Amino acid sequence: MIRFLGSGSSYLYGFFDQAWKEGMTKDEAEQLVVKAVSLAIARDGASGGVVRTVIINEEGVTRNFYPGDQLPLWHEELEPQNSLLDTWGAAATGPEPMSM
């Protein structure tokens, strides 16, 4: 189970709906969490700028800390896709007006 807490948590659900894959290893899942929280930090001015993870399993409890200067700049890795900004950029005159 993955839990999201904090002011940026609402930014995480859509990302996880797209990125989570069944059968991920513990390390893959933790790196996904770190990447997702860095997404929330980038969009939420109230976020603290660091990531703390806690893994609880049959091996015990593992706590990890990722300082802000070591968080991934994932947004530089991705090409925008199906974005409203892509639509606006494609039309020289701007978006089509809505018809009523």
PDB file of N, CA and C in Angstrom:
ATOM      1  N   MET A   1       0.836  -1.169   0.000  1.00  0.00           N
ATOM      2  CA  MET A   1       0.000   0.000   0.000  1.00  0.00           C
ATOM      3  C   MET A   1       0.885   1.238   0.000  1.00  0.00           C
ATOM      4  N   ILE A   2       0.505   2.224  -0.766  1.00  0.00           N
ATOM      5  CA  ILE A   2       1.219   3.494  -0.792  1.00  0.00           C
ATOM      6  C   ILE A   2       0.280   4.558  -0.257  1.00  0.00           C
ATOM      7  N   ARG A   3       0.792   5.365   0.665  1.00  0.00           N
ATOM      8  CA  ARG A   3       0.012   6.467   1.237  1.00  0.00           C
ATOM      9  C   ARG A   3       0.672   7.781   0.876  1.00  0.00           C
ATOM     10  N   PHE A   4      -0.122   8.782   0.565  1.00  0.00           N
ATOM     11  CA  PHE A   4       0.370  10.127   0.290  1.00  0.00           C
ATOM     12  C   PHE A   4      -0.165  11.050   1.363  1.00  0.00           C
ATOM     13  N   LEU A   5       0.725  11.803   1.969  1.00  0.00           N
ATOM     14  CA  LEU A   5       0.333  12.769   2.990  1.00  0.00           C
ATOM     15  C   LEU A   5       0.967  14.107   2.669  1.00  0.00           C
ATOM     16  N   GLY A   6       0.335  15.174   3.084  1.00  0.00           N
ATOM     17  CA  GLY A   6       0.909  16.494   2.921  1.00  0.00           C
ATOM     18  C   GLY A   6       0.178  17.327   1.887  1.00  0.00           C
ATOM     19  N   SER A   7       0.580  18.585   1.808  1.00  0.00           N
ATOM     20  CA  SER A   7      -0.132  19.544   0.964  1.00  0.00           C
ATOM     21  C   SER A   7      -0.017  19.225  -0.521  1.00  0.00           C
ATOM     22  N   GLY A   8       1.031  18.541  -0.955  1.00  0.00           N
ATOM     23  CA  GLY A   8       1.203  18.220  -2.362  1.00  0.00           C
ATOM     24  C   GLY A   8       0.637  16.876  -2.766  1.00  0.00           C
ATOM     25  N   SER A   9      -0.008  16.176  -1.826  1.00  0.00           N
ATOM     26  CA  SER A   9      -0.448  14.811  -2.111  1.00  0.00           C
ATOM     27  C   SER A   9      -1.475  14.726  -3.228  1.00  0.00           C
ATOM     28  N   SER A  10      -2.287  15.759  -3.414  1.00  0.00           N
ATOM     29  CA  SER A  10      -3.305  15.696  -4.468  1.00  0.00           C
ATOM     30  C   SER A  10      -2.684  15.674  -5.862  1.00  0.00           C
ATOM     31  N   TYR A  11      -1.435  16.094  -5.987  1.00  0.00           N
ATOM     32  CA  TYR A  11      -0.755  16.079  -7.283  1.00  0.00           C
ATOM     33  C   TYR A  11      -0.283  14.680  -7.677  1.00  0.00           C
ATOM     34  N   LEU A  12      -0.284  13.750  -6.742  1.00  0.00           N
ATOM     35  CA  LEU A  12       0.348  12.453  -6.972  1.00  0.00           C
ATOM     36  C   LEU A  12      -0.557  11.398  -7.595  1.00  0.00           C
ATOM     37  N   TYR A  13      -1.850  11.487  -7.379  1.00  0.00           N
ATOM     38  CA  TYR A  13      -2.727  10.390  -7.773  1.00  0.00           C
ATOM     39  C   TYR A  13      -2.741  10.131  -9.273  1.00  0.00           C
ATOM     40  N   GLY A  14      -2.847  11.146 -10.094  1.00  0.00           N
ATOM     41  CA  GLY A  14      -2.843  10.953 -11.540  1.00  0.00           C
ATOM     42  C   GLY A  14      -1.530  10.391 -12.037  1.00  0.00           C
ATOM     43  N   PHE A  15      -0.427  10.868 -11.459  1.00  0.00           N
ATOM     44  CA  PHE A  15       0.888  10.357 -11.837  1.00  0.00           C
ATOM     45  C   PHE A  15       0.986   8.865 -11.542  1.00  0.00           C
ATOM     46  N   PHE A  16       0.522   8.450 -10.365  1.00  0.00           N
ATOM     47  CA  PHE A  16       0.582   7.032 -10.019  1.00  0.00           C
ATOM     48  C   PHE A  16      -0.374   6.192 -10.844  1.00  0.00           C
ATOM     49  N   ASP A  17      -1.532   6.729 -11.186  1.00  0.00           N
ATOM     50  CA  ASP A  17      -2.449   5.981 -12.050  1.00  0.00           C
ATOM     51  C   ASP A  17      -1.767   5.615 -13.365  1.00  0.00           C
ATOM     52  N   GLN A  18      -0.909   6.500 -13.863  1.00  0.00           N
ATOM     53  CA  GLN A  18      -0.229   6.282 -15.140  1.00  0.00           C
ATOM     54  C   GLN A  18       1.052   5.464 -14.979  1.00  0.00           C
ATOM     55  N   ALA A  19       1.818   5.693 -13.916  1.00  0.00           N
ATOM     56  CA  ALA A  19       3.181   5.164 -13.826  1.00  0.00           C
ATOM     57  C   ALA A  19       3.315   3.857 -13.038  1.00  0.00           C
ATOM     58  N   TRP A  20       2.387   3.570 -12.141  1.00  0.00           N
ATOM     59  CA  TRP A  20       2.509   2.358 -11.317  1.00  0.00           C
ATOM     60  C   TRP A  20       2.335   1.122 -12.178  1.00  0.00           C
ATOM     61  N   LYS A  21       3.196   0.137 -11.967  1.00  0.00           N
ATOM     62  CA  LYS A  21       3.101  -1.131 -12.691  1.00  0.00           C
ATOM     63  C   LYS A  21       3.108  -2.276 -11.689  1.00  0.00           C
ATOM     64  N   GLU A  22       2.217  -3.200 -11.890  1.00  0.00           N
ATOM     65  CA  GLU A  22       2.141  -4.377 -11.028  1.00  0.00           C
ATOM     66  C   GLU A  22       3.466  -5.138 -11.092  1.00  0.00           C
ATOM     67  N   GLY A  23       3.939  -5.638  -9.973  1.00  0.00           N
ATOM     68  CA  GLY A  23       5.152  -6.445  -9.935  1.00  0.00           C
ATOM     69  C   GLY A  23       6.450  -5.652  -9.837  1.00  0.00           C
ATOM     70  N   MET A  24       6.360  -4.361  -9.537  1.00  0.00           N
ATOM     71  CA  MET A  24       7.578  -3.557  -9.394  1.00  0.00           C
ATOM     72  C   MET A  24       8.387  -4.067  -8.208  1.00  0.00           C
ATOM     73  N   THR A  25       9.712  -3.954  -8.324  1.00  0.00           N
ATOM     74  CA  THR A  25      10.559  -4.302  -7.189  1.00  0.00           C
ATOM     75  C   THR A  25      10.454  -3.204  -6.133  1.00  0.00           C
ATOM     76  N   LYS A  26      10.946  -3.491  -4.943  1.00  0.00           N
ATOM     77  CA  LYS A  26      10.940  -2.495  -3.879  1.00  0.00           C
ATOM     78  C   LYS A  26      11.708  -1.248  -4.307  1.00  0.00           C
ATOM     79  N   ASP A  27      12.865  -1.431  -4.933  1.00  0.00           N
ATOM     80  CA  ASP A  27      13.672  -0.288  -5.370  1.00  0.00           C
ATOM     81  C   ASP A  27      12.976   0.512  -6.472  1.00  0.00           C
ATOM     82  N   GLU A  28      12.347  -0.173  -7.423  1.00  0.00           N
ATOM     83  CA  GLU A  28      11.607   0.520  -8.481  1.00  0.00           C
ATOM     84  C   GLU A  28      10.462   1.336  -7.892  1.00  0.00           C
ATOM     85  N   ALA A  29       9.747   0.739  -6.949  1.00  0.00           N
ATOM     86  CA  ALA A  29       8.624   1.437  -6.327  1.00  0.00           C
ATOM     87  C   ALA A  29       9.103   2.648  -5.530  1.00  0.00           C
ATOM     88  N   GLU A  30      10.198   2.494  -4.813  1.00  0.00           N
ATOM     89  CA  GLU A  30      10.700   3.632  -4.042  1.00  0.00           C
ATOM     90  C   GLU A  30      11.163   4.759  -4.954  1.00  0.00           C
ATOM     91  N   GLN A  31      11.844   4.438  -6.047  1.00  0.00           N
ATOM     92  CA  GLN A  31      12.279   5.474  -6.977  1.00  0.00           C
ATOM     93  C   GLN A  31      11.082   6.160  -7.647  1.00  0.00           C
ATOM     94  N   LEU A  32      10.017   5.404  -7.890  1.00  0.00           N
ATOM     95  CA  LEU A  32       8.798   6.001  -8.424  1.00  0.00           C
ATOM     96  C   LEU A  32       8.208   6.984  -7.416  1.00  0.00           C
ATOM     97  N   VAL A  33       8.199   6.617  -6.152  1.00  0.00           N
ATOM     98  CA  VAL A  33       7.693   7.506  -5.107  1.00  0.00           C
ATOM     99  C   VAL A  33       8.532   8.778  -5.036  1.00  0.00           C
ATOM    100  N   VAL A  34       9.851   8.640  -5.078  1.00  0.00           N
ATOM    101  CA  VAL A  34      10.733   9.814  -5.024  1.00  0.00           C
ATOM    102  C   VAL A  34      10.457  10.734  -6.216  1.00  0.00           C
ATOM    103  N   LYS A  35      10.305  10.139  -7.394  1.00  0.00           N
ATOM    104  CA  LYS A  35      10.022  10.940  -8.589  1.00  0.00           C
ATOM    105  C   LYS A  35       8.659  11.626  -8.466  1.00  0.00           C
ATOM    106  N   ALA A  36       7.672  10.907  -7.970  1.00  0.00           N
ATOM    107  CA  ALA A  36       6.330  11.476  -7.833  1.00  0.00           C
ATOM    108  C   ALA A  36       6.309  12.620  -6.822  1.00  0.00           C
ATOM    109  N   VAL A  37       6.991  12.441  -5.706  1.00  0.00           N
ATOM    110  CA  VAL A  37       7.001  13.503  -4.699  1.00  0.00           C
ATOM    111  C   VAL A  37       7.765  14.714  -5.218  1.00  0.00           C
ATOM    112  N   SER A  38       8.803  14.500  -6.009  1.00  0.00           N
ATOM    113  CA  SER A  38       9.498  15.648  -6.601  1.00  0.00           C
ATOM    114  C   SER A  38       8.558  16.407  -7.538  1.00  0.00           C
ATOM    115  N   LEU A  39       7.641  15.696  -8.202  1.00  0.00           N
ATOM    116  CA  LEU A  39       6.600  16.336  -9.009  1.00  0.00           C
ATOM    117  C   LEU A  39       5.729  17.237  -8.135  1.00  0.00           C
ATOM    118  N   ALA A  40       5.286  16.719  -7.009  1.00  0.00           N
ATOM    119  CA  ALA A  40       4.434  17.499  -6.113  1.00  0.00           C
ATOM    120  C   ALA A  40       5.181  18.707  -5.563  1.00  0.00           C
ATOM    121  N   ILE A  41       6.455  18.517  -5.214  1.00  0.00           N
ATOM    122  CA  ILE A  41       7.253  19.626  -4.693  1.00  0.00           C
ATOM    123  C   ILE A  41       7.352  20.740  -5.721  1.00  0.00           C
ATOM    124  N   ALA A  42       7.539  20.372  -6.985  1.00  0.00           N
ATOM    125  CA  ALA A  42       7.681  21.364  -8.043  1.00  0.00           C
ATOM    126  C   ALA A  42       6.399  22.167  -8.253  1.00  0.00           C
ATOM    127  N   ARG A  43       5.244  21.605  -7.888  1.00  0.00           N
ATOM    128  CA  ARG A  43       3.969  22.260  -8.147  1.00  0.00           C
ATOM    129  C   ARG A  43       3.301  22.824  -6.901  1.00  0.00           C
ATOM    130  N   ASP A  44       3.856  22.561  -5.750  1.00  0.00           N
ATOM    131  CA  ASP A  44       3.214  22.965  -4.508  1.00  0.00           C
ATOM    132  C   ASP A  44       4.163  23.847  -3.703  1.00  0.00           C
ATOM    133  N   GLY A  45       3.836  25.107  -3.600  1.00  0.00           N
ATOM    134  CA  GLY A  45       4.696  26.053  -2.899  1.00  0.00           C
ATOM    135  C   GLY A  45       4.829  25.784  -1.413  1.00  0.00           C
ATOM    136  N   ALA A  46       3.950  24.980  -0.840  1.00  0.00           N
ATOM    137  CA  ALA A  46       4.012  24.703   0.590  1.00  0.00           C
ATOM    138  C   ALA A  46       4.814  23.439   0.909  1.00  0.00           C
ATOM    139  N   SER A  47       5.278  22.727  -0.117  1.00  0.00           N
ATOM    140  CA  SER A  47       6.046  21.500   0.135  1.00  0.00           C
ATOM    141  C   SER A  47       7.411  21.840   0.714  1.00  0.00           C
ATOM    142  N   GLY A  48       7.925  20.925   1.492  1.00  0.00           N
ATOM    143  CA  GLY A  48       9.166  21.178   2.218  1.00  0.00           C
ATOM    144  C   GLY A  48      10.444  21.042   1.421  1.00  0.00           C
ATOM    145  N   GLY A  49      10.399  20.455   0.242  1.00  0.00           N
ATOM    146  CA  GLY A  49      11.584  20.375  -0.584  1.00  0.00           C
ATOM    147  C   GLY A  49      12.455  19.158  -0.363  1.00  0.00           C
ATOM    148  N   VAL A  50      12.035  18.230   0.472  1.00  0.00           N
ATOM    149  CA  VAL A  50      12.765  16.981   0.677  1.00  0.00           C
ATOM    150  C   VAL A  50      11.781  15.821   0.594  1.00  0.00           C
ATOM    151  N   VAL A  51      12.320  14.605   0.402  1.00  0.00           N
ATOM    152  CA  VAL A  51      11.483  13.406   0.365  1.00  0.00           C
ATOM    153  C   VAL A  51      11.950  12.464   1.462  1.00  0.00           C
ATOM    154  N   ARG A  52      11.004  11.988   2.221  1.00  0.00           N
ATOM    155  CA  ARG A  52      11.271  10.943   3.212  1.00  0.00           C
ATOM    156  C   ARG A  52      10.401   9.744   2.858  1.00  0.00           C
ATOM    157  N   THR A  53      11.005   8.571   2.757  1.00  0.00           N
ATOM    158  CA  THR A  53      10.239   7.355   2.488  1.00  0.00           C
ATOM    159  C   THR A  53      10.375   6.410   3.669  1.00  0.00           C
ATOM    160  N   VAL A  54       9.351   5.620   3.883  1.00  0.00           N
ATOM    161  CA  VAL A  54       9.365   4.577   4.897  1.00  0.00           C
ATOM    162  C   VAL A  54       8.844   3.315   4.238  1.00  0.00           C
ATOM    163  N   ILE A  55       9.648   2.269   4.269  1.00  0.00           N
ATOM    164  CA  ILE A  55       9.263   0.969   3.717  1.00  0.00           C
ATOM    165  C   ILE A  55       9.055   0.031   4.899  1.00  0.00           C
ATOM    166  N   ILE A  56       7.871  -0.546   4.957  1.00  0.00           N
ATOM    167  CA  ILE A  56       7.551  -1.492   6.022  1.00  0.00           C
ATOM    168  C   ILE A  56       7.233  -2.822   5.362  1.00  0.00           C
ATOM    169  N   ASN A  57       8.040  -3.828   5.656  1.00  0.00           N
ATOM    170  CA  ASN A  57       7.808  -5.161   5.103  1.00  0.00           C
ATOM    171  C   ASN A  57       8.310  -6.209   6.083  1.00  0.00           C
ATOM    172  N   GLU A  58       8.382  -7.458   5.632  1.00  0.00           N
ATOM    173  CA  GLU A  58       8.789  -8.550   6.521  1.00  0.00           C
ATOM    174  C   GLU A  58      10.227  -8.406   7.017  1.00  0.00           C
ATOM    175  N   GLU A  59      11.033  -7.578   6.341  1.00  0.00           N
ATOM    176  CA  GLU A  59      12.413  -7.344   6.764  1.00  0.00           C
ATOM    177  C   GLU A  59      12.515  -6.291   7.850  1.00  0.00           C
ATOM    178  N   GLY A  60      11.416  -5.578   8.115  1.00  0.00           N
ATOM    179  CA  GLY A  60      11.418  -4.535   9.127  1.00  0.00           C
ATOM    180  C   GLY A  60      11.019  -3.190   8.546  1.00  0.00           C
ATOM    181  N   VAL A  61      11.552  -2.128   9.145  1.00  0.00           N
ATOM    182  CA  VAL A  61      11.230  -0.762   8.739  1.00  0.00           C
ATOM    183  C   VAL A  61      12.506  -0.107   8.226  1.00  0.00           C
ATOM    184  N   THR A  62      12.415   0.464   7.034  1.00  0.00           N
ATOM    185  CA  THR A  62      13.549   1.177   6.433  1.00  0.00           C
ATOM    186  C   THR A  62      13.116   2.602   6.154  1.00  0.00           C
ATOM    187  N   ARG A  63      13.868   3.544   6.698  1.00  0.00           N
ATOM    188  CA  ARG A  63      13.598   4.964   6.463  1.00  0.00           C
ATOM    189  C   ARG A  63      14.705   5.536   5.589  1.00  0.00           C
ATOM    190  N   ASN A  64      14.307   6.299   4.563  1.00  0.00           N
ATOM    191  CA  ASN A  64      15.286   6.945   3.677  1.00  0.00           C
ATOM    192  C   ASN A  64      14.965   8.421   3.567  1.00  0.00           C
ATOM    193  N   PHE A  65      16.005   9.217   3.389  1.00  0.00           N
ATOM    194  CA  PHE A  65      15.888  10.666   3.279  1.00  0.00           C
ATOM    195  C   PHE A  65      16.569  11.106   1.995  1.00  0.00           C
ATOM    196  N   TYR A  66      15.865  11.918   1.199  1.00  0.00           N
ATOM    197  CA  TYR A  66      16.392  12.442  -0.052  1.00  0.00           C
ATOM    198  C   TYR A  66      16.351  13.971   0.018  1.00  0.00           C
ATOM    199  N   PRO A  67      17.503  14.630   0.177  1.00  0.00           N
ATOM    200  CA  PRO A  67      17.509  16.096   0.232  1.00  0.00           C
ATOM    201  C   PRO A  67      17.142  16.692  -1.120  1.00  0.00           C
ATOM    202  N   GLY A  68      16.639  17.915  -1.093  1.00  0.00           N
ATOM    203  CA  GLY A  68      16.150  18.569  -2.296  1.00  0.00           C
ATOM    204  C   GLY A  68      17.151  18.657  -3.422  1.00  0.00           C
ATOM    205  N   ASP A  69      18.437  18.830  -3.096  1.00  0.00           N
ATOM    206  CA  ASP A  69      19.430  18.955  -4.164  1.00  0.00           C
ATOM    207  C   ASP A  69      19.771  17.624  -4.816  1.00  0.00           C
ATOM    208  N   GLN A  70      19.200  16.518  -4.311  1.00  0.00           N
ATOM    209  CA  GLN A  70      19.419  15.208  -4.911  1.00  0.00           C
ATOM    210  C   GLN A  70      18.152  14.637  -5.551  1.00  0.00           C
ATOM    211  N   LEU A  71      17.095  15.430  -5.605  1.00  0.00           N
ATOM    212  CA  LEU A  71      15.846  14.954  -6.203  1.00  0.00           C
ATOM    213  C   LEU A  71      15.938  15.020  -7.722  1.00  0.00           C
ATOM    214  N   PRO A  72      15.269  14.100  -8.413  1.00  0.00           N
ATOM    215  CA  PRO A  72      15.321  14.100  -9.883  1.00  0.00           C
ATOM    216  C   PRO A  72      14.615  15.310 -10.468  1.00  0.00           C
ATOM    217  N   LEU A  73      15.180  15.834 -11.521  1.00  0.00           N
ATOM    218  CA  LEU A  73      14.518  16.889 -12.293  1.00  0.00           C
ATOM    219  C   LEU A  73      13.794  16.204 -13.440  1.00  0.00           C
ATOM    220  N   TRP A  74      12.825  15.375 -13.085  1.00  0.00           N
ATOM    221  CA  TRP A  74      12.149  14.496 -14.032  1.00  0.00           C
ATOM    222  C   TRP A  74      11.498  15.266 -15.158  1.00  0.00           C
ATOM    223  N   HIS A  75      11.058  16.503 -14.900  1.00  0.00           N
ATOM    224  CA  HIS A  75      10.352  17.239 -15.947  1.00  0.00           C
ATOM    225  C   HIS A  75      11.260  17.558 -17.129  1.00  0.00           C
ATOM    226  N   GLU A  76      12.570  17.514 -16.938  1.00  0.00           N
ATOM    227  CA  GLU A  76      13.491  17.727 -18.039  1.00  0.00           C
ATOM    228  C   GLU A  76      13.666  16.459 -18.874  1.00  0.00           C
ATOM    229  N   GLU A  77      13.209  15.319 -18.360  1.00  0.00           N
ATOM    230  CA  GLU A  77      13.342  14.035 -19.059  1.00  0.00           C
ATOM    231  C   GLU A  77      12.189  13.774 -20.015  1.00  0.00           C
ATOM    232  N   LEU A  78      11.055  14.411 -19.815  1.00  0.00           N
ATOM    233  CA  LEU A  78       9.836  14.047 -20.520  1.00  0.00           C
ATOM    234  C   LEU A  78       9.466  15.057 -21.594  1.00  0.00           C
ATOM    235  N   GLU A  79       8.991  14.555 -22.701  1.00  0.00           N
ATOM    236  CA  GLU A  79       8.420  15.399 -23.743  1.00  0.00           C
ATOM    237  C   GLU A  79       6.947  15.614 -23.393  1.00  0.00           C
ATOM    238  N   PRO A  80       6.430  16.836 -23.550  1.00  0.00           N
ATOM    239  CA  PRO A  80       5.015  17.044 -23.285  1.00  0.00           C
ATOM    240  C   PRO A  80       4.161  16.238 -24.262  1.00  0.00           C
ATOM    241  N   GLN A  81       3.086  15.659 -23.764  1.00  0.00           N
ATOM    242  CA  GLN A  81       2.197  14.867 -24.607  1.00  0.00           C
ATOM    243  C   GLN A  81       0.759  15.175 -24.241  1.00  0.00           C
ATOM    244  N   ASN A  82      -0.051  15.389 -25.262  1.00  0.00           N
ATOM    245  CA  ASN A  82      -1.486  15.622 -25.070  1.00  0.00           C
ATOM    246  C   ASN A  82      -1.742  16.723 -24.054  1.00  0.00           C
ATOM    247  N   SER A  83      -0.952  17.763 -24.149  1.00  0.00           N
ATOM    248  CA  SER A  83      -1.064  18.883 -23.238  1.00  0.00           C
ATOM    249  C   SER A  83      -1.868  19.997 -23.891  1.00  0.00           C
ATOM    250  N   LEU A  84      -2.598  20.707 -23.095  1.00  0.00           N
ATOM    251  CA  LEU A  84      -3.320  21.874 -23.602  1.00  0.00           C
ATOM    252  C   LEU A  84      -2.330  22.878 -24.178  1.00  0.00           C
ATOM    253  N   LEU A  85      -1.144  22.980 -23.589  1.00  0.00           N
ATOM    254  CA  LEU A  85      -0.123  23.877 -24.113  1.00  0.00           C
ATOM    255  C   LEU A  85       0.339  23.439 -25.500  1.00  0.00           C
ATOM    256  N   ASP A  86       0.397  22.120 -25.757  1.00  0.00           N
ATOM    257  CA  ASP A  86       0.731  21.630 -27.092  1.00  0.00           C
ATOM    258  C   ASP A  86      -0.318  22.085 -28.097  1.00  0.00           C
ATOM    259  N   THR A  87      -1.573  22.016 -27.712  1.00  0.00           N
ATOM    260  CA  THR A  87      -2.667  22.420 -28.586  1.00  0.00           C
ATOM    261  C   THR A  87      -2.555  23.900 -28.914  1.00  0.00           C
ATOM    262  N   TRP A  88      -2.296  24.716 -27.915  1.00  0.00           N
ATOM    263  CA  TRP A  88      -2.162  26.157 -28.136  1.00  0.00           C
ATOM    264  C   TRP A  88      -0.959  26.469 -29.012  1.00  0.00           C
ATOM    265  N   GLY A  89       0.153  25.736 -28.808  1.00  0.00           N
ATOM    266  CA  GLY A  89       1.345  25.985 -29.610  1.00  0.00           C
ATOM    267  C   GLY A  89       1.155  25.607 -31.064  1.00  0.00           C
ATOM    268  N   ALA A  90       0.295  24.639 -31.334  1.00  0.00           N
ATOM    269  CA  ALA A  90       0.078  24.176 -32.702  1.00  0.00           C
ATOM    270  C   ALA A  90      -0.754  25.151 -33.519  1.00  0.00           C
ATOM    271  N   ALA A  91      -1.561  25.927 -32.863  1.00  0.00           N
ATOM    272  CA  ALA A  91      -2.425  26.879 -33.575  1.00  0.00           C
ATOM    273  C   ALA A  91      -1.839  28.282 -33.432  1.00  0.00           C
ATOM    274  N   ALA A  92      -1.456  28.862 -34.549  1.00  0.00           N
ATOM    275  CA  ALA A  92      -0.828  30.188 -34.510  1.00  0.00           C
ATOM    276  C   ALA A  92      -1.770  31.254 -33.958  1.00  0.00           C
ATOM    277  N   THR A  93      -3.063  31.066 -34.149  1.00  0.00           N
ATOM    278  CA  THR A  93      -4.020  32.068 -33.706  1.00  0.00           C
ATOM    279  C   THR A  93      -4.579  31.787 -32.325  1.00  0.00           C
ATOM    280  N   GLY A  94      -4.175  30.690 -31.721  1.00  0.00           N
ATOM    281  CA  GLY A  94      -4.677  30.345 -30.389  1.00  0.00           C
ATOM    282  C   GLY A  94      -5.739  29.272 -30.462  1.00  0.00           C
ATOM    283  N   PRO A  95      -6.322  28.954 -29.324  1.00  0.00           N
ATOM    284  CA  PRO A  95      -7.325  27.876 -29.294  1.00  0.00           C
ATOM    285  C   PRO A  95      -8.607  28.295 -29.994  1.00  0.00           C
ATOM    286  N   GLU A  96      -9.324  27.294 -30.472  1.00  0.00           N
ATOM    287  CA  GLU A  96     -10.621  27.529 -31.101  1.00  0.00           C
ATOM    288  C   GLU A  96     -11.611  28.030 -30.045  1.00  0.00           C
ATOM    289  N   PRO A  97     -12.444  28.995 -30.377  1.00  0.00           N
ATOM    290  CA  PRO A  97     -13.450  29.442 -29.408  1.00  0.00           C
ATOM    291  C   PRO A  97     -14.476  28.346 -29.192  1.00  0.00           C
ATOM    292  N   MET A  98     -15.031  28.322 -27.995  1.00  0.00           N
ATOM    293  CA  MET A  98     -16.066  27.338 -27.683  1.00  0.00           C
ATOM    294  C   MET A  98     -17.367  27.743 -28.336  1.00  0.00           C
ATOM    295  N   SER A  99     -18.100  26.791 -28.872  1.00  0.00           N
ATOM    296  CA  SER A  99     -19.412  27.088 -29.438  1.00  0.00           C
ATOM    297  C   SER A  99     -20.461  26.751 -28.394  1.00  0.00           C
ATOM    298  N   MET A 100     -21.483  27.529 -28.367  1.00  0.00           N
ATOM    299  CA  MET A 100     -22.555  27.335 -27.374  1.00  0.00           C
ATOM    300  C   MET A 100     -23.764  26.757 -28.034  1.00  0.00           C
TER     301      MET A 100
END
